[in-house]
N, C-alpha and C. Protein backbone atom coordinates (compact mmCIF):
# COMPACT_ATOMS: atom_id res chain seq x y z
N MET A 1 5.77 13.82 -22.13
CA MET A 1 7.23 14.24 -22.35
C MET A 1 7.99 13.75 -21.03
N ALA A 2 9.07 13.28 -21.15
CA ALA A 2 9.98 12.93 -19.99
C ALA A 2 10.50 14.14 -19.20
N ASP A 3 10.33 14.27 -17.93
CA ASP A 3 11.06 15.21 -17.19
C ASP A 3 12.28 14.73 -16.25
N MET A 4 13.31 15.43 -16.45
CA MET A 4 14.25 14.85 -15.85
C MET A 4 14.88 15.51 -14.55
N GLU A 5 13.86 16.40 -14.04
CA GLU A 5 14.06 17.13 -12.80
C GLU A 5 12.79 16.49 -11.79
N PRO A 6 12.98 16.62 -10.62
CA PRO A 6 11.94 16.23 -9.62
C PRO A 6 10.56 16.83 -9.70
N ILE A 7 9.44 16.01 -9.81
CA ILE A 7 8.15 16.69 -10.19
C ILE A 7 7.54 16.96 -8.55
N THR A 8 7.06 18.17 -8.29
CA THR A 8 6.46 18.29 -7.11
C THR A 8 5.01 18.55 -7.40
N ARG A 9 4.11 18.46 -6.31
CA ARG A 9 2.87 18.74 -6.52
C ARG A 9 2.46 20.19 -6.97
N ARG A 10 3.34 21.28 -6.44
CA ARG A 10 2.98 22.54 -6.88
C ARG A 10 3.30 22.69 -8.32
N ARG A 11 4.45 22.16 -8.75
CA ARG A 11 4.85 22.17 -10.37
C ARG A 11 3.73 21.67 -11.01
N LEU A 12 3.11 20.49 -10.54
CA LEU A 12 2.07 20.01 -11.47
C LEU A 12 0.97 20.88 -11.49
N LEU A 13 0.43 21.22 -10.25
CA LEU A 13 -0.75 22.38 -10.40
C LEU A 13 -0.50 23.40 -11.20
N ARG A 14 0.76 24.02 -11.18
CA ARG A 14 0.97 25.32 -12.10
C ARG A 14 0.94 24.78 -13.41
N GLY A 15 1.39 23.52 -13.95
CA GLY A 15 1.48 23.03 -15.18
C GLY A 15 0.04 22.58 -15.85
N CYS A 16 -1.12 22.58 -15.02
CA CYS A 16 -2.14 21.93 -15.56
C CYS A 16 -2.72 22.78 -16.81
N GLY A 17 -2.39 24.11 -16.87
CA GLY A 17 -2.97 24.98 -17.93
C GLY A 17 -1.76 24.97 -19.14
N VAL A 18 -0.67 24.28 -18.87
CA VAL A 18 0.27 24.28 -20.05
C VAL A 18 0.60 22.84 -20.48
N GLY A 19 -0.49 21.98 -20.58
CA GLY A 19 -0.07 20.73 -21.36
C GLY A 19 0.39 19.54 -20.60
N VAL A 20 0.36 19.82 -19.31
CA VAL A 20 0.61 18.63 -18.38
C VAL A 20 -0.65 17.70 -18.35
N ALA A 21 -0.35 16.45 -18.55
CA ALA A 21 -1.58 15.63 -18.66
C ALA A 21 -2.02 15.30 -17.25
N VAL A 22 -3.39 15.24 -16.91
CA VAL A 22 -4.07 14.86 -15.90
C VAL A 22 -4.96 13.82 -15.81
N GLY A 23 -4.83 12.77 -14.87
CA GLY A 23 -5.71 11.88 -14.94
C GLY A 23 -6.34 11.54 -13.58
N VAL A 24 -7.37 10.75 -13.40
CA VAL A 24 -8.09 10.43 -12.04
C VAL A 24 -7.48 8.97 -11.84
N ALA A 25 -6.97 8.71 -10.55
CA ALA A 25 -6.59 7.51 -10.27
C ALA A 25 -7.66 6.50 -9.87
N GLY A 26 -7.16 5.24 -10.31
CA GLY A 26 -8.02 4.06 -9.84
C GLY A 26 -7.74 3.86 -8.39
N CYS A 27 -8.40 4.44 -7.43
CA CYS A 27 -7.71 4.54 -6.05
C CYS A 27 -8.08 3.59 -5.13
N SER A 28 -7.46 3.48 -4.08
CA SER A 28 -7.80 2.77 -2.93
C SER A 28 -8.33 3.91 -1.69
N GLY A 29 -8.97 3.17 -0.79
CA GLY A 29 -9.52 4.11 0.21
C GLY A 29 -11.12 4.28 0.18
N ARG A 30 -11.50 5.11 0.98
CA ARG A 30 -12.86 5.36 1.20
C ARG A 30 -13.33 6.79 0.62
N GLY A 31 -14.53 7.20 0.03
CA GLY A 31 -14.72 8.57 -0.35
C GLY A 31 -15.29 9.08 0.84
N GLY A 32 -15.78 10.35 0.58
CA GLY A 32 -16.43 11.09 1.62
C GLY A 32 -15.76 12.50 1.92
N ASP A 33 -15.74 13.00 3.05
CA ASP A 33 -15.08 14.42 3.23
C ASP A 33 -13.76 14.44 3.87
N GLY A 34 -13.13 13.52 3.32
CA GLY A 34 -11.80 13.53 3.95
C GLY A 34 -11.53 12.44 5.09
N THR A 35 -10.23 12.06 5.35
CA THR A 35 -10.04 10.93 6.56
C THR A 35 -9.07 11.70 7.26
N GLU A 36 -9.41 11.50 8.80
CA GLU A 36 -8.62 12.16 9.81
C GLU A 36 -7.38 11.25 9.96
N PRO A 37 -6.15 11.83 9.93
CA PRO A 37 -4.91 11.02 9.90
C PRO A 37 -4.86 10.04 10.92
N ASP A 38 -5.45 10.54 12.17
CA ASP A 38 -5.37 9.48 13.26
C ASP A 38 -6.47 8.18 13.04
N ALA A 39 -7.34 8.33 12.26
CA ALA A 39 -8.03 7.35 11.81
C ALA A 39 -7.53 6.27 10.73
N LEU A 40 -6.44 6.56 10.01
CA LEU A 40 -5.82 5.73 9.15
C LEU A 40 -5.36 4.46 9.66
N SER A 41 -5.59 3.33 9.06
CA SER A 41 -5.11 1.96 9.41
C SER A 41 -3.57 1.90 9.00
N GLY A 42 -2.88 1.18 9.69
CA GLY A 42 -1.31 1.09 9.36
C GLY A 42 -0.42 1.73 10.14
N ASN A 43 0.80 1.77 9.80
CA ASN A 43 1.93 2.27 10.67
C ASN A 43 2.84 3.10 9.82
N VAL A 44 3.65 3.95 10.52
CA VAL A 44 4.60 4.92 9.87
C VAL A 44 6.10 4.20 10.03
N ARG A 45 6.48 3.88 11.04
CA ARG A 45 8.00 3.31 11.12
C ARG A 45 8.02 2.66 12.54
N PRO A 46 8.91 1.50 12.62
CA PRO A 46 9.21 0.91 13.91
C PRO A 46 10.05 2.07 14.85
N SER A 47 9.70 1.66 16.27
CA SER A 47 10.49 2.58 17.21
C SER A 47 11.85 2.00 17.38
N GLY A 48 12.84 2.67 17.62
CA GLY A 48 14.12 2.44 18.16
C GLY A 48 15.07 2.06 16.73
N GLU A 49 16.23 1.55 17.17
CA GLU A 49 17.19 1.28 16.09
C GLU A 49 17.10 0.02 15.48
N PRO A 50 17.24 -0.26 14.31
CA PRO A 50 17.24 -1.70 13.49
C PRO A 50 18.02 -2.70 14.12
N ALA A 51 17.66 -3.99 14.35
CA ALA A 51 18.63 -4.90 14.90
C ALA A 51 19.81 -5.17 14.05
N SER A 52 19.82 -4.85 12.82
CA SER A 52 20.91 -4.86 12.02
C SER A 52 21.17 -4.01 10.77
N ILE A 53 22.19 -3.45 10.57
CA ILE A 53 22.45 -2.63 9.57
C ILE A 53 23.51 -3.01 8.52
N PRO A 54 23.15 -3.41 7.51
CA PRO A 54 24.17 -4.04 6.38
C PRO A 54 25.15 -3.06 5.80
N ASP A 55 26.20 -3.81 5.36
CA ASP A 55 27.23 -3.09 4.64
C ASP A 55 26.81 -2.09 3.33
N PRO A 56 27.45 -1.41 2.83
CA PRO A 56 26.92 -0.64 1.67
C PRO A 56 26.59 -1.72 0.65
N LEU A 57 25.41 -1.14 -0.22
CA LEU A 57 25.22 -2.26 -1.37
C LEU A 57 26.23 -2.09 -2.48
N HIS A 58 26.42 -3.13 -3.15
CA HIS A 58 27.25 -3.17 -4.11
C HIS A 58 26.94 -4.09 -5.13
N CYS A 59 26.67 -3.65 -6.39
CA CYS A 59 26.24 -4.65 -7.43
C CYS A 59 27.24 -4.83 -8.59
N GLU A 60 27.53 -6.20 -8.44
CA GLU A 60 28.75 -6.44 -9.45
C GLU A 60 28.32 -6.68 -10.88
N ARG A 61 27.23 -6.53 -11.15
CA ARG A 61 26.66 -6.81 -12.63
C ARG A 61 27.04 -5.63 -13.52
N GLU A 62 27.65 -6.04 -14.68
CA GLU A 62 28.33 -5.04 -15.50
C GLU A 62 27.32 -3.97 -16.17
N GLY A 63 27.65 -2.69 -16.09
CA GLY A 63 26.69 -1.65 -16.55
C GLY A 63 25.64 -1.16 -15.38
N ALA A 64 25.53 -1.74 -14.61
CA ALA A 64 24.45 -1.40 -13.55
C ALA A 64 24.81 -0.09 -12.68
N GLU A 65 23.62 0.64 -12.89
CA GLU A 65 23.81 1.95 -11.97
C GLU A 65 22.71 1.84 -11.05
N ARG A 66 22.97 2.15 -9.74
CA ARG A 66 22.07 2.25 -8.65
C ARG A 66 21.17 3.42 -8.83
N PHE A 67 19.75 3.20 -8.56
CA PHE A 67 18.75 4.37 -8.73
C PHE A 67 19.19 5.20 -7.69
N ASP A 68 19.22 6.72 -8.16
CA ASP A 68 19.53 7.76 -7.19
C ASP A 68 18.22 8.34 -6.70
N SER A 69 18.16 8.96 -5.70
CA SER A 69 16.97 9.18 -5.06
C SER A 69 16.53 10.73 -5.86
N TRP A 70 15.28 11.16 -5.90
CA TRP A 70 14.88 12.46 -6.71
C TRP A 70 14.48 13.47 -5.54
N TYR A 71 14.83 13.13 -4.40
CA TYR A 71 14.32 14.08 -3.20
C TYR A 71 15.60 14.23 -2.22
N ASP A 72 15.56 15.29 -1.56
CA ASP A 72 16.62 15.68 -0.54
C ASP A 72 16.08 15.27 0.75
N SER A 73 14.90 15.30 1.00
CA SER A 73 14.50 15.00 2.51
C SER A 73 13.00 14.40 2.30
N VAL A 74 12.71 13.83 3.62
CA VAL A 74 11.19 13.30 3.56
C VAL A 74 10.47 13.52 4.72
N VAL A 75 9.14 13.52 4.88
CA VAL A 75 8.41 13.64 5.99
C VAL A 75 7.91 12.25 6.24
N TRP A 76 7.89 11.78 7.57
CA TRP A 76 7.47 10.63 7.93
C TRP A 76 5.93 10.41 8.10
N GLY A 77 5.45 9.54 7.29
CA GLY A 77 3.84 9.43 7.25
C GLY A 77 3.21 10.51 6.70
N GLY A 78 3.30 11.89 7.19
CA GLY A 78 2.31 12.72 6.83
C GLY A 78 0.88 12.70 7.39
N PRO A 79 0.10 13.79 7.34
CA PRO A 79 0.46 14.77 6.31
C PRO A 79 1.41 15.95 6.91
N ALA A 80 2.10 16.59 6.12
CA ALA A 80 3.10 17.55 6.29
C ALA A 80 2.59 18.66 6.93
N GLU A 81 3.33 19.57 7.56
CA GLU A 81 3.09 20.79 8.03
C GLU A 81 2.82 21.87 7.20
N ASN A 82 3.15 21.59 5.78
CA ASN A 82 3.02 22.63 4.69
C ASN A 82 1.51 22.75 4.43
N GLY A 83 0.74 21.68 4.83
CA GLY A 83 -0.74 21.75 4.36
C GLY A 83 -0.91 20.72 3.48
N ASP A 84 0.04 20.16 2.80
CA ASP A 84 -0.19 19.07 1.82
C ASP A 84 -0.99 17.83 2.42
N PRO A 85 -2.18 17.36 2.13
CA PRO A 85 -3.11 16.49 2.77
C PRO A 85 -2.56 15.00 2.78
N PHE A 86 -1.60 14.59 2.02
CA PHE A 86 -1.41 13.12 1.66
C PHE A 86 -0.77 12.46 3.01
N ALA A 87 -1.05 11.22 3.15
CA ALA A 87 -0.49 10.68 4.30
C ALA A 87 -0.15 9.13 3.75
N LEU A 88 0.94 8.78 4.27
CA LEU A 88 1.35 7.45 3.70
C LEU A 88 1.45 6.38 4.99
N ARG A 89 1.03 5.31 4.76
CA ARG A 89 1.03 4.21 5.89
C ARG A 89 1.48 2.74 5.33
N ILE A 90 2.00 2.01 6.11
CA ILE A 90 2.40 0.66 5.87
C ILE A 90 1.71 -0.29 6.70
N GLU A 91 1.27 -1.41 6.29
CA GLU A 91 0.43 -2.36 6.87
C GLU A 91 1.00 -2.82 8.24
N ARG A 92 2.33 -3.17 8.15
CA ARG A 92 2.81 -3.87 9.47
C ARG A 92 4.54 -3.23 9.57
N HIS A 93 4.99 -3.38 10.96
CA HIS A 93 6.35 -2.80 11.22
C HIS A 93 7.42 -3.88 10.86
N GLU A 94 6.99 -5.25 10.68
CA GLU A 94 7.94 -6.15 10.52
C GLU A 94 7.57 -7.24 9.37
N TYR A 95 8.33 -7.76 8.57
CA TYR A 95 7.88 -8.58 7.55
C TYR A 95 9.15 -9.62 7.27
N ARG A 96 8.89 -10.62 6.70
CA ARG A 96 10.04 -11.89 6.45
C ARG A 96 10.04 -11.89 4.82
N ARG A 97 11.12 -12.27 4.38
CA ARG A 97 11.35 -12.47 2.78
C ARG A 97 10.22 -13.30 2.26
N GLY A 98 9.69 -13.12 1.20
CA GLY A 98 8.54 -13.77 0.66
C GLY A 98 7.30 -13.15 1.04
N ASP A 99 7.10 -12.40 1.96
CA ASP A 99 5.83 -11.69 2.45
C ASP A 99 5.55 -10.62 1.22
N GLU A 100 4.39 -10.13 1.46
CA GLU A 100 4.06 -8.72 0.80
C GLU A 100 3.75 -7.60 1.56
N ALA A 101 4.42 -6.59 1.42
CA ALA A 101 4.08 -5.14 2.03
C ALA A 101 3.13 -4.58 1.44
N THR A 102 2.11 -4.11 2.20
CA THR A 102 0.99 -2.99 1.50
C THR A 102 1.11 -1.71 1.88
N VAL A 103 1.48 -0.66 1.11
CA VAL A 103 1.77 0.82 1.48
C VAL A 103 0.35 1.39 0.85
N THR A 104 -0.13 2.53 1.55
CA THR A 104 -1.20 3.18 1.04
C THR A 104 -0.87 4.73 1.23
N LEU A 105 -1.34 5.49 0.10
CA LEU A 105 -1.19 6.85 0.06
C LEU A 105 -2.67 7.42 0.24
N THR A 106 -3.14 8.37 1.23
CA THR A 106 -4.45 8.47 1.11
C THR A 106 -4.61 9.99 1.18
N ASN A 107 -5.49 10.84 0.50
CA ASN A 107 -5.70 12.24 0.57
C ASN A 107 -6.88 12.32 1.73
N THR A 108 -6.01 12.96 2.82
CA THR A 108 -6.83 13.19 3.85
C THR A 108 -7.59 14.51 3.94
N GLY A 109 -7.51 15.23 2.97
CA GLY A 109 -8.20 16.64 2.85
C GLY A 109 -9.74 16.53 2.44
N ASN A 110 -10.23 17.48 2.20
CA ASN A 110 -11.77 17.79 1.86
C ASN A 110 -11.94 17.94 0.52
N GLU A 111 -10.86 18.15 -0.34
CA GLU A 111 -11.00 18.35 -1.76
C GLU A 111 -10.08 17.55 -2.77
N LYS A 112 -10.29 17.65 -3.98
CA LYS A 112 -9.45 16.81 -4.75
C LYS A 112 -8.10 17.38 -4.67
N GLU A 113 -7.14 16.52 -4.75
CA GLU A 113 -5.69 16.90 -4.56
C GLU A 113 -4.91 16.03 -5.47
N MET A 114 -3.75 16.82 -6.10
CA MET A 114 -2.91 15.99 -6.94
C MET A 114 -1.65 15.41 -6.79
N THR A 115 -1.14 14.47 -7.25
CA THR A 115 0.13 13.86 -7.05
C THR A 115 0.61 13.62 -8.29
N GLY A 116 1.87 13.02 -8.46
CA GLY A 116 2.42 12.49 -10.02
C GLY A 116 1.95 10.93 -9.92
N ASN A 117 2.63 10.41 -10.76
CA ASN A 117 2.11 8.93 -10.99
C ASN A 117 2.73 8.05 -9.79
N ARG A 118 2.00 6.84 -10.07
CA ARG A 118 2.31 5.83 -8.74
C ARG A 118 3.64 5.30 -8.90
N ARG A 119 4.64 5.36 -9.96
CA ARG A 119 5.90 4.86 -10.06
C ARG A 119 7.01 5.68 -9.32
N LYS A 120 6.61 6.99 -8.80
CA LYS A 120 7.54 7.54 -8.31
C LYS A 120 7.89 7.56 -6.96
N PHE A 121 8.61 6.40 -6.53
CA PHE A 121 8.74 6.00 -5.31
C PHE A 121 10.30 5.55 -5.34
N GLY A 122 10.96 5.63 -4.16
CA GLY A 122 12.20 4.86 -3.75
C GLY A 122 12.15 3.74 -2.78
N PHE A 123 12.64 2.65 -2.78
CA PHE A 123 12.54 1.51 -2.00
C PHE A 123 14.10 1.19 -1.60
N GLU A 124 14.31 1.72 -0.30
CA GLU A 124 15.74 1.57 0.21
C GLU A 124 15.78 1.10 1.45
N VAL A 125 17.10 0.67 1.75
CA VAL A 125 17.59 -0.07 2.99
C VAL A 125 18.61 0.81 3.63
N ARG A 126 18.67 0.81 4.88
CA ARG A 126 19.47 1.50 5.79
C ARG A 126 20.79 0.77 5.89
N THR A 127 21.78 1.29 5.29
CA THR A 127 23.24 0.79 5.32
C THR A 127 24.10 1.72 6.24
N ASP A 128 25.33 1.40 6.17
CA ASP A 128 26.31 1.93 7.25
C ASP A 128 26.44 3.57 6.86
N PRO A 129 26.51 3.86 5.28
CA PRO A 129 26.51 5.19 4.95
C PRO A 129 25.27 5.90 4.96
N GLY A 130 24.18 5.18 5.34
CA GLY A 130 22.88 5.94 4.96
C GLY A 130 21.73 5.04 4.06
N TRP A 131 20.74 5.68 3.74
CA TRP A 131 19.66 4.91 2.89
C TRP A 131 20.27 4.81 1.55
N GLN A 132 20.02 3.64 1.07
CA GLN A 132 20.49 3.36 -0.47
C GLN A 132 19.16 2.52 -1.04
N ASP A 133 18.93 2.85 -2.21
CA ASP A 133 17.81 2.28 -2.89
C ASP A 133 18.26 0.83 -3.49
N VAL A 134 17.53 -0.17 -3.33
CA VAL A 134 17.92 -1.42 -3.56
C VAL A 134 17.96 -1.86 -5.13
N ARG A 135 17.35 -0.89 -5.91
CA ARG A 135 17.32 -1.17 -7.31
C ARG A 135 18.41 -0.69 -8.16
N VAL A 136 18.55 -1.23 -9.14
CA VAL A 136 19.52 -0.90 -10.33
C VAL A 136 19.06 -0.76 -11.47
N HIS A 137 19.52 -0.01 -12.42
CA HIS A 137 19.17 -0.20 -13.93
C HIS A 137 20.27 0.04 -14.63
N SER A 138 20.16 -0.23 -16.04
CA SER A 138 21.21 -0.22 -17.06
C SER A 138 21.65 1.27 -17.14
N ALA A 139 23.07 1.51 -17.12
CA ALA A 139 23.67 2.77 -17.38
C ALA A 139 23.41 3.28 -18.70
N GLU A 140 23.09 2.41 -19.72
CA GLU A 140 22.70 2.86 -21.04
C GLU A 140 21.26 3.10 -21.23
N ASP A 141 20.41 2.90 -20.02
CA ASP A 141 19.00 3.18 -20.15
C ASP A 141 18.47 4.13 -18.97
N PRO A 142 19.05 5.54 -19.06
CA PRO A 142 18.62 6.36 -18.06
C PRO A 142 17.06 6.29 -17.68
N VAL A 143 16.75 6.38 -16.51
CA VAL A 143 15.37 6.43 -15.94
C VAL A 143 14.75 7.74 -16.03
N ALA A 144 13.62 7.78 -16.67
CA ALA A 144 12.81 9.00 -16.69
C ALA A 144 11.51 8.73 -16.39
N TYR A 145 10.95 9.97 -16.04
CA TYR A 145 9.36 9.98 -15.58
C TYR A 145 8.48 10.95 -16.36
N THR A 146 7.27 10.58 -16.56
CA THR A 146 6.46 11.33 -17.29
C THR A 146 5.74 12.60 -16.51
N ASP A 147 5.48 13.66 -16.92
CA ASP A 147 5.17 14.91 -16.29
C ASP A 147 3.59 14.75 -16.19
N ILE A 148 3.11 13.73 -15.51
CA ILE A 148 1.65 13.73 -15.20
C ILE A 148 1.15 13.93 -14.02
N GLY A 149 0.07 14.34 -13.96
CA GLY A 149 -0.71 14.72 -12.55
C GLY A 149 -1.79 13.80 -12.45
N ILE A 150 -2.20 13.18 -10.98
CA ILE A 150 -3.10 12.31 -10.86
C ILE A 150 -3.86 12.93 -9.78
N LEU A 151 -5.23 13.17 -10.05
CA LEU A 151 -6.24 13.83 -9.09
C LEU A 151 -6.84 12.71 -8.13
N HIS A 152 -6.86 12.83 -6.91
CA HIS A 152 -7.27 11.92 -6.02
C HIS A 152 -8.57 12.61 -5.24
N GLU A 153 -9.70 11.93 -5.17
CA GLU A 153 -10.90 12.28 -4.34
C GLU A 153 -10.51 12.32 -2.86
N PRO A 154 -11.22 13.07 -2.03
CA PRO A 154 -11.01 12.89 -0.30
C PRO A 154 -11.23 11.34 -0.26
N GLY A 155 -10.21 10.98 0.76
CA GLY A 155 -10.28 9.73 1.14
C GLY A 155 -9.75 8.56 0.12
N LYS A 156 -9.33 9.06 -0.99
CA LYS A 156 -8.64 8.09 -1.91
C LYS A 156 -7.23 8.13 -2.09
N GLY A 157 -6.60 7.50 -2.81
CA GLY A 157 -5.13 7.57 -3.04
C GLY A 157 -4.63 6.22 -3.99
N PHE A 158 -3.28 6.10 -3.85
CA PHE A 158 -2.82 4.87 -4.20
C PHE A 158 -2.65 3.91 -3.19
N GLU A 159 -2.43 2.36 -3.71
CA GLU A 159 -2.05 1.45 -2.80
C GLU A 159 -0.92 0.57 -3.74
N TRP A 160 0.12 0.14 -3.11
CA TRP A 160 1.29 -0.67 -3.56
C TRP A 160 1.32 -1.83 -2.67
N THR A 161 1.53 -3.07 -3.52
CA THR A 161 1.70 -4.31 -3.03
C THR A 161 3.05 -4.69 -3.32
N LEU A 162 4.12 -4.75 -2.40
CA LEU A 162 5.38 -4.94 -2.66
C LEU A 162 5.95 -6.29 -2.35
N PRO A 163 6.03 -7.18 -3.54
CA PRO A 163 6.81 -8.50 -2.97
C PRO A 163 8.06 -8.49 -2.47
N LEU A 164 8.48 -8.99 -1.28
CA LEU A 164 9.54 -8.74 -0.48
C LEU A 164 10.39 -10.03 -1.14
N ASP A 165 10.62 -10.15 -2.37
CA ASP A 165 11.58 -11.03 -2.83
C ASP A 165 12.33 -10.47 -3.98
N ALA A 166 13.66 -10.73 -3.94
CA ALA A 166 14.66 -9.94 -4.89
C ALA A 166 14.37 -10.06 -6.41
N THR A 167 13.66 -11.29 -6.73
CA THR A 167 13.43 -11.45 -8.18
C THR A 167 12.14 -10.98 -8.51
N GLU A 168 11.28 -11.06 -7.63
CA GLU A 168 9.70 -10.67 -7.87
C GLU A 168 9.52 -9.09 -7.57
N PHE A 169 10.21 -8.50 -6.98
CA PHE A 169 10.05 -7.17 -6.58
C PHE A 169 9.80 -6.12 -7.62
N THR A 170 10.80 -6.19 -8.35
CA THR A 170 10.48 -5.10 -9.51
C THR A 170 9.52 -5.48 -10.47
N GLY A 171 9.17 -6.90 -10.75
CA GLY A 171 8.25 -7.19 -11.77
C GLY A 171 6.95 -6.82 -11.13
N GLY A 172 6.68 -6.73 -9.78
CA GLY A 172 5.48 -6.38 -9.38
C GLY A 172 5.20 -4.99 -9.00
N THR A 173 6.47 -4.08 -9.49
CA THR A 173 6.23 -2.80 -9.05
C THR A 173 6.74 -1.66 -10.25
N ASP A 174 7.66 -2.04 -10.67
CA ASP A 174 8.42 -0.98 -11.82
C ASP A 174 9.35 -2.06 -12.40
N ASP A 175 9.11 -2.49 -13.72
CA ASP A 175 10.08 -3.64 -14.26
C ASP A 175 11.19 -2.95 -15.14
N ARG A 176 11.26 -1.66 -14.84
CA ARG A 176 12.59 -0.94 -15.54
C ARG A 176 14.02 -1.55 -14.70
N PHE A 177 13.54 -1.84 -13.45
CA PHE A 177 14.57 -2.01 -12.59
C PHE A 177 14.91 -3.49 -12.40
N THR A 178 16.00 -4.01 -11.61
CA THR A 178 16.21 -5.20 -10.95
C THR A 178 16.73 -4.74 -9.52
N VAL A 179 16.72 -5.76 -8.67
CA VAL A 179 17.20 -5.56 -7.27
C VAL A 179 18.53 -6.25 -7.19
N CYS A 180 19.47 -5.47 -6.73
CA CYS A 180 21.01 -6.00 -6.78
C CYS A 180 21.77 -5.29 -5.66
N PRO A 181 22.31 -6.30 -4.90
CA PRO A 181 22.59 -7.71 -4.96
C PRO A 181 21.60 -8.31 -4.33
N GLY A 182 20.34 -7.82 -3.48
CA GLY A 182 19.42 -8.66 -3.15
C GLY A 182 18.94 -7.70 -2.13
N LEU A 183 18.00 -8.54 -0.89
CA LEU A 183 17.36 -7.65 -0.02
C LEU A 183 17.94 -8.20 1.36
N PRO A 184 19.00 -7.41 1.85
CA PRO A 184 19.74 -8.00 3.19
C PRO A 184 18.60 -7.78 4.27
N ALA A 185 18.67 -8.31 5.29
CA ALA A 185 17.74 -8.10 6.49
C ALA A 185 18.31 -6.88 6.90
N GLY A 186 17.07 -5.98 7.54
CA GLY A 186 17.65 -4.67 8.00
C GLY A 186 16.33 -3.82 8.14
N ARG A 187 16.42 -2.46 8.06
CA ARG A 187 15.46 -1.49 8.01
C ARG A 187 15.25 -0.83 6.66
N TYR A 188 14.06 -0.82 6.14
CA TYR A 188 13.65 -0.47 4.83
C TYR A 188 12.76 0.70 4.98
N ARG A 189 12.85 1.54 3.88
CA ARG A 189 11.77 2.63 3.87
C ARG A 189 11.29 2.62 2.32
N PHE A 190 9.97 3.01 2.26
CA PHE A 190 9.28 3.40 0.91
C PHE A 190 9.03 4.67 0.94
N VAL A 191 9.57 5.35 0.06
CA VAL A 191 9.40 6.90 -0.07
C VAL A 191 8.72 7.10 -1.47
N TYR A 192 7.45 8.00 -1.29
CA TYR A 192 6.81 8.21 -2.33
C TYR A 192 6.95 9.83 -2.77
N TRP A 193 7.79 10.08 -3.70
CA TRP A 193 8.34 11.52 -4.22
C TRP A 193 7.30 12.27 -5.11
N GLY A 194 6.29 11.69 -5.44
CA GLY A 194 5.28 12.29 -6.23
C GLY A 194 4.21 13.29 -5.37
N ALA A 195 4.59 13.27 -4.12
CA ALA A 195 3.90 14.25 -3.29
C ALA A 195 4.79 15.26 -2.87
N ASP A 196 4.34 16.39 -2.44
CA ASP A 196 5.23 17.53 -1.93
C ASP A 196 4.85 17.98 -0.63
N PRO A 197 5.90 17.58 0.33
CA PRO A 197 7.13 17.02 0.27
C PRO A 197 6.92 15.44 0.06
N ALA A 198 8.27 14.85 -0.36
CA ALA A 198 8.20 13.31 -0.15
C ALA A 198 7.87 12.84 1.09
N LEU A 199 6.96 11.64 1.03
CA LEU A 199 6.58 11.09 2.35
C LEU A 199 7.19 9.65 2.37
N ALA A 200 7.47 9.14 3.77
CA ALA A 200 8.17 7.87 3.71
C ALA A 200 7.39 7.04 4.92
N VAL A 201 7.63 5.91 4.67
CA VAL A 201 7.42 4.98 5.83
C VAL A 201 8.21 3.81 5.86
N ALA A 202 8.46 3.01 6.98
CA ALA A 202 9.58 2.04 7.30
C ALA A 202 8.84 0.82 7.61
N PHE A 203 9.79 -0.22 7.68
CA PHE A 203 9.68 -1.62 8.37
C PHE A 203 10.95 -2.23 8.13
N ASP A 204 10.93 -3.30 9.22
CA ASP A 204 12.25 -4.16 9.33
C ASP A 204 11.89 -5.47 8.70
N LEU A 205 12.93 -5.87 7.82
CA LEU A 205 12.95 -7.14 7.20
C LEU A 205 13.84 -8.28 8.05
N VAL A 206 13.21 -9.30 8.59
CA VAL A 206 13.93 -9.97 9.50
C VAL A 206 14.80 -10.99 8.61
N ALA A 207 15.67 -11.67 9.38
CA ALA A 207 16.71 -12.44 8.50
C ALA A 207 16.13 -13.70 8.17
N GLY A 208 16.58 -14.37 6.83
CA GLY A 208 16.07 -15.49 6.44
C GLY A 208 16.89 -15.90 5.53
N GLU A 209 16.42 -16.62 4.46
CA GLU A 209 17.54 -17.19 3.57
C GLU A 209 18.01 -16.11 2.80
N THR A 210 19.29 -16.27 2.10
CA THR A 210 19.81 -15.30 1.33
C THR A 210 18.79 -15.08 0.15
N ASP A 211 18.76 -13.77 -0.27
CA ASP A 211 17.82 -13.51 -1.29
C ASP A 211 18.51 -12.56 -2.26
N THR A 212 18.95 -13.20 -3.37
CA THR A 212 19.77 -12.56 -4.58
C THR A 212 18.80 -12.62 -5.72
N ALA A 213 18.85 -11.38 -6.50
CA ALA A 213 17.72 -11.38 -7.61
C ALA A 213 18.59 -12.09 -8.90
N THR A 214 17.65 -12.69 -9.55
CA THR A 214 18.00 -13.24 -11.06
C THR A 214 17.83 -12.11 -12.16
N PRO A 215 18.75 -11.64 -13.08
CA PRO A 215 18.67 -10.67 -13.90
C PRO A 215 17.60 -10.98 -14.93
N ARG A 216 16.93 -10.10 -15.32
CA ARG A 216 15.99 -10.31 -16.38
C ARG A 216 16.04 -9.28 -17.30
N SER A 217 15.73 -9.47 -18.75
CA SER A 217 15.89 -8.66 -19.75
C SER A 217 14.65 -8.10 -20.05
N ARG A 218 14.73 -6.72 -20.25
CA ARG A 218 13.38 -5.87 -20.58
C ARG A 218 13.78 -4.92 -21.59
N ALA A 219 12.53 -4.53 -22.48
CA ALA A 219 12.71 -3.30 -23.16
C ALA A 219 12.72 -2.11 -22.56
N PRO A 220 13.41 -0.93 -22.99
CA PRO A 220 13.40 0.25 -22.29
C PRO A 220 12.01 0.97 -22.62
N HIS A 221 11.71 1.85 -21.50
CA HIS A 221 10.36 2.53 -21.63
C HIS A 221 10.34 3.71 -20.50
N THR A 222 9.37 4.51 -20.68
CA THR A 222 9.34 5.62 -19.84
C THR A 222 7.83 5.72 -19.30
N LEU A 223 7.81 5.90 -17.97
CA LEU A 223 6.74 6.05 -17.19
C LEU A 223 6.90 7.07 -15.82
């Protein structure tokens, strides 16, 4: 069933007895008795201010609606102070267009823990007014997410490979969206809001050739 309000891990745990589907992720990471956060490979975010901050994103495509975040605040990297054991890391601090960025979510605790599904993320660039998701969808096709819980063994989690190309990005991550108008140089953040609280990592995309997405047609679906 589609759920049109944000899903938190606590809501999922409460729902396990009332018909919420629960799965076990095909996860990345190592098994064992948990992973110390300091031992995780990868980075959280660059230090200092970005070299460039683009103007607000504007998509001229008719009927396009920018994806609106399902979270009010984020914790950088994690684990969070509320005891949620998940940690988010990104492979590098800097990328060029055409590169692939790898982001990992890891259960650093000693027990199985639950998140939402892997598509519950935002991909945003920092613009003059603040963080904006680079993805749009058809206003006639509202975006919904399933109320499903994914269990992660200690040391396990999700891994995302993000093609840093405006045309290829959504096909490799979530094809309900397209990137519009493109991927300007600047600071980006990946936010996974299937955890409670939402976790974020950031990187800088350095200047290169203009990157504008080519629209693709897709059948509507929910996940």
